[in-house]
């Protein structure tokens, strides 16, 4: 999943994504080819925790 996908799923802005990723509230990216990405599994496993906040 690319940044835009994660922003849509989590319903947050770029700025919020970067702040929460830096603070450890959002999982670190799984990799980077030409652009950063997360595996869908990473986000899927994280969603229940995110929704409980």
Protein backbone atom coordinates (compact mmCIF):
# COMPACT_ATOMS: atom_id res chain seq x y z
CA UNK A 1 0.00 0.00 0.00
CA UNK A 2 1.32 3.40 -0.90
CA UNK A 3 1.04 6.51 1.25
CA UNK A 4 -2.18 7.61 -0.44
CA UNK A 5 -3.79 4.25 0.27
CA UNK A 6 -2.81 4.39 3.94
CA UNK A 7 -4.08 7.96 4.26
CA UNK A 8 -7.43 6.88 2.85
CA UNK A 9 -7.78 3.79 5.04
CA UNK A 10 -6.80 5.63 8.23
CA UNK A 11 -8.63 8.82 7.23
CA UNK A 12 -5.73 11.09 8.16
CA UNK A 13 -3.59 13.77 6.51
CA UNK A 14 0.01 13.48 5.33
CA UNK A 15 1.18 15.55 8.28
CA UNK A 16 -0.65 13.33 10.77
CA UNK A 17 0.75 10.20 9.12
CA UNK A 18 4.33 11.42 9.43
CA UNK A 19 3.88 12.56 13.05
CA UNK A 20 2.25 9.30 14.12
CA UNK A 21 4.76 7.19 12.22
CA UNK A 22 7.61 9.07 13.89
CA UNK A 23 6.06 8.63 17.34
CA UNK A 24 5.50 4.91 16.74
CA UNK A 25 1.70 5.09 16.73
CA UNK A 26 1.62 3.84 13.12
CA UNK A 27 3.76 0.91 11.91
CA UNK A 28 6.98 1.76 10.14
CA UNK A 29 7.01 1.33 6.39
CA UNK A 30 7.77 -2.14 5.11
CA UNK A 31 10.01 -0.91 2.36
CA UNK A 32 10.81 1.56 -0.34
CA UNK A 33 11.41 0.98 -4.01
CA UNK A 34 10.96 4.31 -5.75
CA UNK A 35 8.29 5.20 -3.18
CA UNK A 36 7.61 4.04 0.38
CA UNK A 37 5.04 1.30 0.97
CA UNK A 38 3.42 -0.91 3.59
CA UNK A 39 2.31 -4.49 3.04
CA UNK A 40 -1.48 -4.70 3.19
CA UNK A 41 -1.05 -7.30 5.96
CA UNK A 42 0.80 -4.73 8.10
CA UNK A 43 -2.06 -2.25 7.84
CA UNK A 44 -4.76 -4.91 8.16
CA UNK A 45 -3.21 -6.16 11.43
CA UNK A 46 -2.86 -2.58 12.69
CA UNK A 47 -6.44 -1.43 11.91
CA UNK A 48 -8.19 -2.89 14.98
CA UNK A 49 -5.74 -1.06 17.27
CA UNK A 50 -6.20 2.16 15.28
CA UNK A 51 -9.99 1.95 15.48
CA UNK A 52 -9.92 1.46 19.26
CA UNK A 53 -8.23 4.76 19.91
